Full PDB file with SEQRES, HELIX, SHEET, SSBOND, CRYST1, ORIGX, SCALE, CONECT and MASTER records, all heavy atoms in Angstrom:
SEQRES   1 A   29  PHE PHE PRO GLU TRP ALA ARG ASP VAL LEU TRP MET THR          
SEQRES   2 A   29  PRO PHE PRO ALA LEU MET GLN ALA PRO ILE ASP ILE PHE          
SEQRES   3 A   29  LEU GLY HIS                                                  
HELIX    1 AA1 GLU A    4  LEU A   10  1                                   7    
HELIX    2 AA2 PHE A   15  LEU A   18  1                                   4    
HELIX    3 AA3 GLN A   20  LEU A   27  1                                   8    
CRYST1    1.000    1.000    1.000  90.00  90.00  90.00 P 1           1          
ORIGX1      1.000000  0.000000  0.000000        0.00000                         
ORIGX2      0.000000  1.000000  0.000000        0.00000                         
ORIGX3      0.000000  0.000000  1.000000        0.00000                         
SCALE1      1.000000  0.000000  0.000000        0.00000                         
SCALE2      0.000000  1.000000  0.000000        0.00000                         
SCALE3      0.000000  0.000000  1.000000        0.00000                         
ATOM      1  N   PHE A   1      -4.701 -10.941   1.314  1.00  0.00           N  
ATOM      2  CA  PHE A   1      -5.463 -10.116   0.338  1.00  0.00           C  
ATOM      3  C   PHE A   1      -5.996 -11.004  -0.757  1.00  0.00           C  
ATOM      4  O   PHE A   1      -6.825 -10.606  -1.569  1.00  0.00           O  
ATOM      5  CB  PHE A   1      -4.494  -9.080  -0.277  1.00  0.00           C  
ATOM      6  CG  PHE A   1      -4.275  -7.863   0.624  1.00  0.00           C  
ATOM      7  CD1 PHE A   1      -4.512  -7.876   1.984  1.00  0.00           C  
ATOM      8  CD2 PHE A   1      -3.844  -6.686   0.027  1.00  0.00           C  
ATOM      9  CE1 PHE A   1      -4.327  -6.723   2.745  1.00  0.00           C  
ATOM     10  CE2 PHE A   1      -3.705  -5.508   0.815  1.00  0.00           C  
ATOM     11  CZ  PHE A   1      -3.915  -5.582   2.185  1.00  0.00           C  
ATOM     12  N   PHE A   2      -5.425 -12.224  -0.860  1.00  0.00           N  
ATOM     13  CA  PHE A   2      -5.892 -13.127  -1.948  1.00  0.00           C  
ATOM     14  C   PHE A   2      -7.260 -13.668  -1.665  1.00  0.00           C  
ATOM     15  O   PHE A   2      -7.679 -13.724  -0.448  1.00  0.00           O  
ATOM     16  CB  PHE A   2      -4.868 -14.306  -2.123  1.00  0.00           C  
ATOM     17  CG  PHE A   2      -3.534 -13.916  -2.774  1.00  0.00           C  
ATOM     18  CD1 PHE A   2      -2.584 -13.227  -2.090  1.00  0.00           C  
ATOM     19  CD2 PHE A   2      -3.314 -14.272  -4.090  1.00  0.00           C  
ATOM     20  CE1 PHE A   2      -1.397 -12.889  -2.714  1.00  0.00           C  
ATOM     21  CE2 PHE A   2      -2.160 -14.009  -4.673  1.00  0.00           C  
ATOM     22  CZ  PHE A   2      -1.199 -13.273  -4.017  1.00  0.00           C  
ATOM     23  N   PRO A   3      -7.938 -14.214  -2.668  1.00  0.00           N  
ATOM     24  CA  PRO A   3      -9.205 -14.963  -2.376  1.00  0.00           C  
ATOM     25  C   PRO A   3      -8.942 -16.096  -1.466  1.00  0.00           C  
ATOM     26  O   PRO A   3      -7.835 -16.663  -1.362  1.00  0.00           O  
ATOM     27  CB  PRO A   3      -9.622 -15.367  -3.796  1.00  0.00           C  
ATOM     28  CG  PRO A   3      -8.940 -14.516  -4.809  1.00  0.00           C  
ATOM     29  CD  PRO A   3      -7.665 -14.137  -4.118  1.00  0.00           C  
ATOM     30  N   GLU A   4      -9.995 -16.605  -0.750  1.00  0.00           N  
ATOM     31  CA  GLU A   4      -9.828 -17.633   0.233  1.00  0.00           C  
ATOM     32  C   GLU A   4      -9.235 -18.875  -0.382  1.00  0.00           C  
ATOM     33  O   GLU A   4      -8.313 -19.496   0.255  1.00  0.00           O  
ATOM     34  CB  GLU A   4     -11.134 -17.929   0.840  1.00  0.00           C  
ATOM     35  CG  GLU A   4     -11.073 -18.963   2.013  1.00  0.00           C  
ATOM     36  CD  GLU A   4     -12.358 -19.227   2.674  1.00  0.00           C  
ATOM     37  OE1 GLU A   4     -13.383 -18.533   2.293  1.00  0.00           O  
ATOM     38  OE2 GLU A   4     -12.413 -20.087   3.638  1.00  0.00           O  
ATOM     39  N   TRP A   5      -9.620 -19.276  -1.575  1.00  0.00           N  
ATOM     40  CA  TRP A   5      -9.112 -20.531  -2.125  1.00  0.00           C  
ATOM     41  C   TRP A   5      -7.616 -20.362  -2.441  1.00  0.00           C  
ATOM     42  O   TRP A   5      -6.877 -21.318  -2.281  1.00  0.00           O  
ATOM     43  CB  TRP A   5      -9.882 -20.885  -3.418  1.00  0.00           C  
ATOM     44  CG  TRP A   5      -9.699 -19.908  -4.551  1.00  0.00           C  
ATOM     45  CD1 TRP A   5     -10.508 -18.835  -4.863  1.00  0.00           C  
ATOM     46  CD2 TRP A   5      -8.633 -19.924  -5.524  1.00  0.00           C  
ATOM     47  NE1 TRP A   5     -10.030 -18.185  -5.989  1.00  0.00           N  
ATOM     48  CE2 TRP A   5      -8.871 -18.799  -6.377  1.00  0.00           C  
ATOM     49  CE3 TRP A   5      -7.543 -20.769  -5.768  1.00  0.00           C  
ATOM     50  CZ2 TRP A   5      -8.028 -18.518  -7.439  1.00  0.00           C  
ATOM     51  CZ3 TRP A   5      -6.703 -20.418  -6.842  1.00  0.00           C  
ATOM     52  CH2 TRP A   5      -6.920 -19.364  -7.657  1.00  0.00           C  
ATOM     53  N   ALA A   6      -7.207 -19.166  -2.858  1.00  0.00           N  
ATOM     54  CA  ALA A   6      -5.781 -18.972  -3.225  1.00  0.00           C  
ATOM     55  C   ALA A   6      -4.927 -18.944  -1.927  1.00  0.00           C  
ATOM     56  O   ALA A   6      -3.801 -19.445  -1.906  1.00  0.00           O  
ATOM     57  CB  ALA A   6      -5.608 -17.678  -3.981  1.00  0.00           C  
ATOM     58  N   ARG A   7      -5.469 -18.357  -0.850  1.00  0.00           N  
ATOM     59  CA  ARG A   7      -4.805 -18.382   0.433  1.00  0.00           C  
ATOM     60  C   ARG A   7      -4.571 -19.840   0.914  1.00  0.00           C  
ATOM     61  O   ARG A   7      -3.465 -20.134   1.391  1.00  0.00           O  
ATOM     62  CB  ARG A   7      -5.561 -17.628   1.493  1.00  0.00           C  
ATOM     63  CG  ARG A   7      -5.665 -16.100   1.241  1.00  0.00           C  
ATOM     64  CD  ARG A   7      -6.075 -15.406   2.515  1.00  0.00           C  
ATOM     65  NE  ARG A   7      -7.309 -15.871   3.060  1.00  0.00           N  
ATOM     66  CZ  ARG A   7      -8.461 -15.386   2.857  1.00  0.00           C  
ATOM     67  NH1 ARG A   7      -8.628 -14.342   1.995  1.00  0.00           N  
ATOM     68  NH2 ARG A   7      -9.564 -15.840   3.453  1.00  0.00           N  
ATOM     69  N   ASP A   8      -5.564 -20.633   0.812  1.00  0.00           N  
ATOM     70  CA  ASP A   8      -5.471 -22.047   1.280  1.00  0.00           C  
ATOM     71  C   ASP A   8      -4.439 -22.810   0.424  1.00  0.00           C  
ATOM     72  O   ASP A   8      -3.587 -23.550   0.987  1.00  0.00           O  
ATOM     73  CB  ASP A   8      -6.801 -22.760   1.112  1.00  0.00           C  
ATOM     74  CG  ASP A   8      -7.849 -22.147   2.092  1.00  0.00           C  
ATOM     75  OD1 ASP A   8      -7.458 -21.566   3.095  1.00  0.00           O  
ATOM     76  OD2 ASP A   8      -9.090 -22.373   1.862  1.00  0.00           O  
ATOM     77  N   VAL A   9      -4.387 -22.565  -0.833  1.00  0.00           N  
ATOM     78  CA  VAL A   9      -3.388 -23.225  -1.723  1.00  0.00           C  
ATOM     79  C   VAL A   9      -1.984 -22.704  -1.415  1.00  0.00           C  
ATOM     80  O   VAL A   9      -1.071 -23.528  -1.294  1.00  0.00           O  
ATOM     81  CB  VAL A   9      -3.709 -22.985  -3.211  1.00  0.00           C  
ATOM     82  CG1 VAL A   9      -2.582 -23.503  -4.103  1.00  0.00           C  
ATOM     83  CG2 VAL A   9      -5.025 -23.664  -3.568  1.00  0.00           C  
ATOM     84  N   LEU A  10      -1.815 -21.442  -1.253  1.00  0.00           N  
ATOM     85  CA  LEU A  10      -0.498 -20.894  -0.978  1.00  0.00           C  
ATOM     86  C   LEU A  10       0.092 -21.423   0.379  1.00  0.00           C  
ATOM     87  O   LEU A  10       1.273 -21.729   0.438  1.00  0.00           O  
ATOM     88  CB  LEU A  10      -0.554 -19.377  -0.954  1.00  0.00           C  
ATOM     89  CG  LEU A  10      -0.524 -18.652  -2.331  1.00  0.00           C  
ATOM     90  CD1 LEU A  10      -0.694 -17.187  -2.217  1.00  0.00           C  
ATOM     91  CD2 LEU A  10       0.727 -19.078  -3.087  1.00  0.00           C  
ATOM     92  N   TRP A  11      -0.759 -21.522   1.346  1.00  0.00           N  
ATOM     93  CA  TRP A  11      -0.284 -22.012   2.660  1.00  0.00           C  
ATOM     94  C   TRP A  11       0.024 -23.486   2.713  1.00  0.00           C  
ATOM     95  O   TRP A  11       0.515 -24.004   3.716  1.00  0.00           O  
ATOM     96  CB  TRP A  11      -1.278 -21.646   3.786  1.00  0.00           C  
ATOM     97  CG  TRP A  11      -1.190 -20.176   4.251  1.00  0.00           C  
ATOM     98  CD1 TRP A  11      -1.958 -19.154   3.945  1.00  0.00           C  
ATOM     99  CD2 TRP A  11      -0.089 -19.666   5.098  1.00  0.00           C  
ATOM    100  NE1 TRP A  11      -1.535 -17.985   4.548  1.00  0.00           N  
ATOM    101  CE2 TRP A  11      -0.408 -18.286   5.225  1.00  0.00           C  
ATOM    102  CE3 TRP A  11       1.033 -20.217   5.725  1.00  0.00           C  
ATOM    103  CZ2 TRP A  11       0.387 -17.449   5.994  1.00  0.00           C  
ATOM    104  CZ3 TRP A  11       1.805 -19.351   6.486  1.00  0.00           C  
ATOM    105  CH2 TRP A  11       1.425 -18.022   6.639  1.00  0.00           C  
ATOM    106  N   MET A  12      -0.290 -24.173   1.602  1.00  0.00           N  
ATOM    107  CA  MET A  12       0.157 -25.569   1.503  1.00  0.00           C  
ATOM    108  C   MET A  12       1.541 -25.642   0.741  1.00  0.00           C  
ATOM    109  O   MET A  12       1.991 -26.762   0.474  1.00  0.00           O  
ATOM    110  CB  MET A  12      -0.903 -26.365   0.748  1.00  0.00           C  
ATOM    111  CG  MET A  12      -2.161 -26.598   1.573  1.00  0.00           C  
ATOM    112  SD  MET A  12      -3.334 -27.808   0.759  1.00  0.00           S  
ATOM    113  CE  MET A  12      -3.896 -26.780  -0.626  1.00  0.00           C  
ATOM    114  N   THR A  13       2.086 -24.524   0.376  1.00  0.00           N  
ATOM    115  CA  THR A  13       3.332 -24.469  -0.260  1.00  0.00           C  
ATOM    116  C   THR A  13       4.348 -23.758   0.659  1.00  0.00           C  
ATOM    117  O   THR A  13       3.997 -23.180   1.698  1.00  0.00           O  
ATOM    118  CB  THR A  13       3.242 -23.656  -1.595  1.00  0.00           C  
ATOM    119  OG1 THR A  13       3.131 -22.260  -1.241  1.00  0.00           O  
ATOM    120  CG2 THR A  13       2.088 -24.131  -2.400  1.00  0.00           C  
ATOM    121  N   PRO A  14       5.690 -23.842   0.338  1.00  0.00           N  
ATOM    122  CA  PRO A  14       6.659 -23.152   1.169  1.00  0.00           C  
ATOM    123  C   PRO A  14       6.686 -21.632   1.024  1.00  0.00           C  
ATOM    124  O   PRO A  14       7.447 -21.008   1.800  1.00  0.00           O  
ATOM    125  CB  PRO A  14       8.015 -23.824   0.779  1.00  0.00           C  
ATOM    126  CG  PRO A  14       7.808 -24.279  -0.632  1.00  0.00           C  
ATOM    127  CD  PRO A  14       6.302 -24.635  -0.714  1.00  0.00           C  
ATOM    128  N   PHE A  15       6.031 -21.105   0.051  1.00  0.00           N  
ATOM    129  CA  PHE A  15       6.228 -19.652  -0.277  1.00  0.00           C  
ATOM    130  C   PHE A  15       5.898 -18.724   0.940  1.00  0.00           C  
ATOM    131  O   PHE A  15       6.754 -17.881   1.258  1.00  0.00           O  
ATOM    132  CB  PHE A  15       5.383 -19.283  -1.487  1.00  0.00           C  
ATOM    133  CG  PHE A  15       5.915 -19.812  -2.741  1.00  0.00           C  
ATOM    134  CD1 PHE A  15       5.238 -20.914  -3.404  1.00  0.00           C  
ATOM    135  CD2 PHE A  15       7.024 -19.285  -3.358  1.00  0.00           C  
ATOM    136  CE1 PHE A  15       5.764 -21.429  -4.605  1.00  0.00           C  
ATOM    137  CE2 PHE A  15       7.533 -19.784  -4.535  1.00  0.00           C  
ATOM    138  CZ  PHE A  15       6.926 -20.837  -5.179  1.00  0.00           C  
ATOM    139  N   PRO A  16       4.766 -18.879   1.638  1.00  0.00           N  
ATOM    140  CA  PRO A  16       4.490 -17.937   2.731  1.00  0.00           C  
ATOM    141  C   PRO A  16       5.539 -18.089   3.861  1.00  0.00           C  
ATOM    142  O   PRO A  16       5.696 -17.108   4.681  1.00  0.00           O  
ATOM    143  CB  PRO A  16       3.134 -18.320   3.213  1.00  0.00           C  
ATOM    144  CG  PRO A  16       2.436 -18.951   2.017  1.00  0.00           C  
ATOM    145  CD  PRO A  16       3.563 -19.670   1.379  1.00  0.00           C  
ATOM    146  N   ALA A  17       6.221 -19.206   3.939  1.00  0.00           N  
ATOM    147  CA  ALA A  17       7.285 -19.376   5.023  1.00  0.00           C  
ATOM    148  C   ALA A  17       8.403 -18.399   4.786  1.00  0.00           C  
ATOM    149  O   ALA A  17       9.207 -18.135   5.717  1.00  0.00           O  
ATOM    150  CB  ALA A  17       7.772 -20.847   5.007  1.00  0.00           C  
ATOM    151  N   LEU A  18       8.563 -17.869   3.601  1.00  0.00           N  
ATOM    152  CA  LEU A  18       9.712 -16.953   3.248  1.00  0.00           C  
ATOM    153  C   LEU A  18       9.526 -15.587   3.851  1.00  0.00           C  
ATOM    154  O   LEU A  18      10.467 -14.975   4.307  1.00  0.00           O  
ATOM    155  CB  LEU A  18       9.873 -16.885   1.750  1.00  0.00           C  
ATOM    156  CG  LEU A  18      10.236 -18.226   1.031  1.00  0.00           C  
ATOM    157  CD1 LEU A  18      10.054 -18.020  -0.450  1.00  0.00           C  
ATOM    158  CD2 LEU A  18      11.658 -18.567   1.340  1.00  0.00           C  
ATOM    159  N   MET A  19       8.296 -15.043   3.780  1.00  0.00           N  
ATOM    160  CA  MET A  19       8.068 -13.633   4.135  1.00  0.00           C  
ATOM    161  C   MET A  19       6.806 -13.486   5.050  1.00  0.00           C  
ATOM    162  O   MET A  19       6.820 -12.880   6.121  1.00  0.00           O  
ATOM    163  CB  MET A  19       7.918 -12.815   2.923  1.00  0.00           C  
ATOM    164  CG  MET A  19       9.106 -12.815   1.954  1.00  0.00           C  
ATOM    165  SD  MET A  19      10.477 -11.738   2.545  1.00  0.00           S  
ATOM    166  CE  MET A  19       9.864 -10.147   2.314  1.00  0.00           C  
ATOM    167  N   GLN A  20       5.692 -14.085   4.586  1.00  0.00           N  
ATOM    168  CA  GLN A  20       4.463 -13.785   5.299  1.00  0.00           C  
ATOM    169  C   GLN A  20       4.413 -14.343   6.710  1.00  0.00           C  
ATOM    170  O   GLN A  20       3.917 -13.742   7.584  1.00  0.00           O  
ATOM    171  CB  GLN A  20       3.246 -14.397   4.498  1.00  0.00           C  
ATOM    172  CG  GLN A  20       1.889 -14.003   4.960  1.00  0.00           C  
ATOM    173  CD  GLN A  20       1.659 -12.505   4.845  1.00  0.00           C  
ATOM    174  OE1 GLN A  20       1.665 -11.963   3.743  1.00  0.00           O  
ATOM    175  NE2 GLN A  20       1.379 -11.816   5.946  1.00  0.00           N  
ATOM    176  N   ALA A  21       5.034 -15.510   6.883  1.00  0.00           N  
ATOM    177  CA  ALA A  21       5.023 -16.157   8.220  1.00  0.00           C  
ATOM    178  C   ALA A  21       5.638 -15.290   9.323  1.00  0.00           C  
ATOM    179  O   ALA A  21       5.011 -15.054  10.382  1.00  0.00           O  
ATOM    180  CB  ALA A  21       5.720 -17.522   8.157  1.00  0.00           C  
ATOM    181  N   PRO A  22       6.872 -14.790   9.181  1.00  0.00           N  
ATOM    182  CA  PRO A  22       7.406 -13.924  10.279  1.00  0.00           C  
ATOM    183  C   PRO A  22       6.667 -12.658  10.384  1.00  0.00           C  
ATOM    184  O   PRO A  22       6.579 -12.092  11.507  1.00  0.00           O  
ATOM    185  CB  PRO A  22       8.914 -13.721   9.731  1.00  0.00           C  
ATOM    186  CG  PRO A  22       8.961 -14.113   8.311  1.00  0.00           C  
ATOM    187  CD  PRO A  22       7.886 -15.103   8.109  1.00  0.00           C  
ATOM    188  N   ILE A  23       6.165 -12.116   9.260  1.00  0.00           N  
ATOM    189  CA  ILE A  23       5.349 -10.825   9.406  1.00  0.00           C  
ATOM    190  C   ILE A  23       4.079 -11.146  10.258  1.00  0.00           C  
ATOM    191  O   ILE A  23       3.680 -10.279  11.126  1.00  0.00           O  
ATOM    192  CB  ILE A  23       4.960 -10.297   8.004  1.00  0.00           C  
ATOM    193  CG1 ILE A  23       6.281  -9.829   7.322  1.00  0.00           C  
ATOM    194  CG2 ILE A  23       3.993  -9.194   8.109  1.00  0.00           C  
ATOM    195  CD1 ILE A  23       6.018  -9.329   5.869  1.00  0.00           C  
ATOM    196  N   ASP A  24       3.439 -12.278   9.993  1.00  0.00           N  
ATOM    197  CA  ASP A  24       2.195 -12.627  10.752  1.00  0.00           C  
ATOM    198  C   ASP A  24       2.494 -12.764  12.187  1.00  0.00           C  
ATOM    199  O   ASP A  24       1.749 -12.340  13.078  1.00  0.00           O  
ATOM    200  CB  ASP A  24       1.566 -13.878  10.180  1.00  0.00           C  
ATOM    201  CG  ASP A  24       0.785 -13.676   8.935  1.00  0.00           C  
ATOM    202  OD1 ASP A  24       0.625 -12.514   8.568  1.00  0.00           O  
ATOM    203  OD2 ASP A  24       0.339 -14.682   8.342  1.00  0.00           O  
ATOM    204  N   ILE A  25       3.675 -13.395  12.544  1.00  0.00           N  
ATOM    205  CA  ILE A  25       4.041 -13.540  13.935  1.00  0.00           C  
ATOM    206  C   ILE A  25       4.263 -12.162  14.581  1.00  0.00           C  
ATOM    207  O   ILE A  25       3.786 -11.962  15.760  1.00  0.00           O  
ATOM    208  CB  ILE A  25       5.319 -14.401  14.056  1.00  0.00           C  
ATOM    209  CG1 ILE A  25       4.973 -15.863  13.736  1.00  0.00           C  
ATOM    210  CG2 ILE A  25       5.888 -14.337  15.470  1.00  0.00           C  
ATOM    211  CD1 ILE A  25       6.198 -16.768  13.736  1.00  0.00           C  
ATOM    212  N   PHE A  26       4.871 -11.251  13.916  1.00  0.00           N  
ATOM    213  CA  PHE A  26       5.148  -9.935  14.488  1.00  0.00           C  
ATOM    214  C   PHE A  26       3.825  -9.224  14.677  1.00  0.00           C  
ATOM    215  O   PHE A  26       3.618  -8.567  15.715  1.00  0.00           O  
ATOM    216  CB  PHE A  26       6.000  -9.159  13.506  1.00  0.00           C  
ATOM    217  CG  PHE A  26       6.521  -7.859  14.113  1.00  0.00           C  
ATOM    218  CD1 PHE A  26       7.750  -7.757  14.799  1.00  0.00           C  
ATOM    219  CD2 PHE A  26       5.765  -6.677  13.986  1.00  0.00           C  
ATOM    220  CE1 PHE A  26       8.185  -6.602  15.278  1.00  0.00           C  
ATOM    221  CE2 PHE A  26       6.176  -5.500  14.545  1.00  0.00           C  
ATOM    222  CZ  PHE A  26       7.378  -5.457  15.172  1.00  0.00           C  
ATOM    223  N   LEU A  27       2.888  -9.277  13.746  1.00  0.00           N  
ATOM    224  CA  LEU A  27       1.632  -8.534  13.791  1.00  0.00           C  
ATOM    225  C   LEU A  27       0.628  -9.182  14.696  1.00  0.00           C  
ATOM    226  O   LEU A  27      -0.365  -8.569  15.011  1.00  0.00           O  
ATOM    227  CB  LEU A  27       1.072  -8.408  12.373  1.00  0.00           C  
ATOM    228  CG  LEU A  27       1.779  -7.497  11.377  1.00  0.00           C  
ATOM    229  CD1 LEU A  27       1.125  -7.548  10.005  1.00  0.00           C  
ATOM    230  CD2 LEU A  27       1.730  -6.054  11.964  1.00  0.00           C  
ATOM    231  N   GLY A  28       0.875 -10.422  15.085  1.00  0.00           N  
ATOM    232  CA  GLY A  28      -0.109 -11.073  15.981  1.00  0.00           C  
ATOM    233  C   GLY A  28      -1.236 -11.774  15.177  1.00  0.00           C  
ATOM    234  O   GLY A  28      -2.333 -12.072  15.746  1.00  0.00           O  
ATOM    235  N   HIS A  29      -0.989 -12.119  13.890  1.00  0.00           N  
ATOM    236  CA  HIS A  29      -1.977 -12.803  13.091  1.00  0.00           C  
ATOM    237  C   HIS A  29      -1.724 -14.270  13.202  1.00  0.00           C  
ATOM    238  O   HIS A  29      -0.661 -14.818  12.704  1.00  0.00           O  
ATOM    239  CB  HIS A  29      -1.884 -12.349  11.627  1.00  0.00           C  
ATOM    240  CG  HIS A  29      -2.267 -10.904  11.443  1.00  0.00           C  
ATOM    241  ND1 HIS A  29      -2.051 -10.229  10.172  1.00  0.00           N  
ATOM    242  CD2 HIS A  29      -2.794 -10.014  12.275  1.00  0.00           C  
ATOM    243  CE1 HIS A  29      -2.530  -8.978  10.374  1.00  0.00           C  
ATOM    244  NE2 HIS A  29      -2.936  -8.834  11.603  1.00  0.00           N  
TER     245      HIS A  29                                                      
MASTER        0    0    0    3    0    0    0    6  244    1    0    3          
END                                                                             
């Protein structure tokens, strides 16, 4: 939902590994 530049920055940090990563795997993203 974030702007593209914010998404790119966040995925260079460990934060999405906490919640977003397993959710994406489940949803097929």
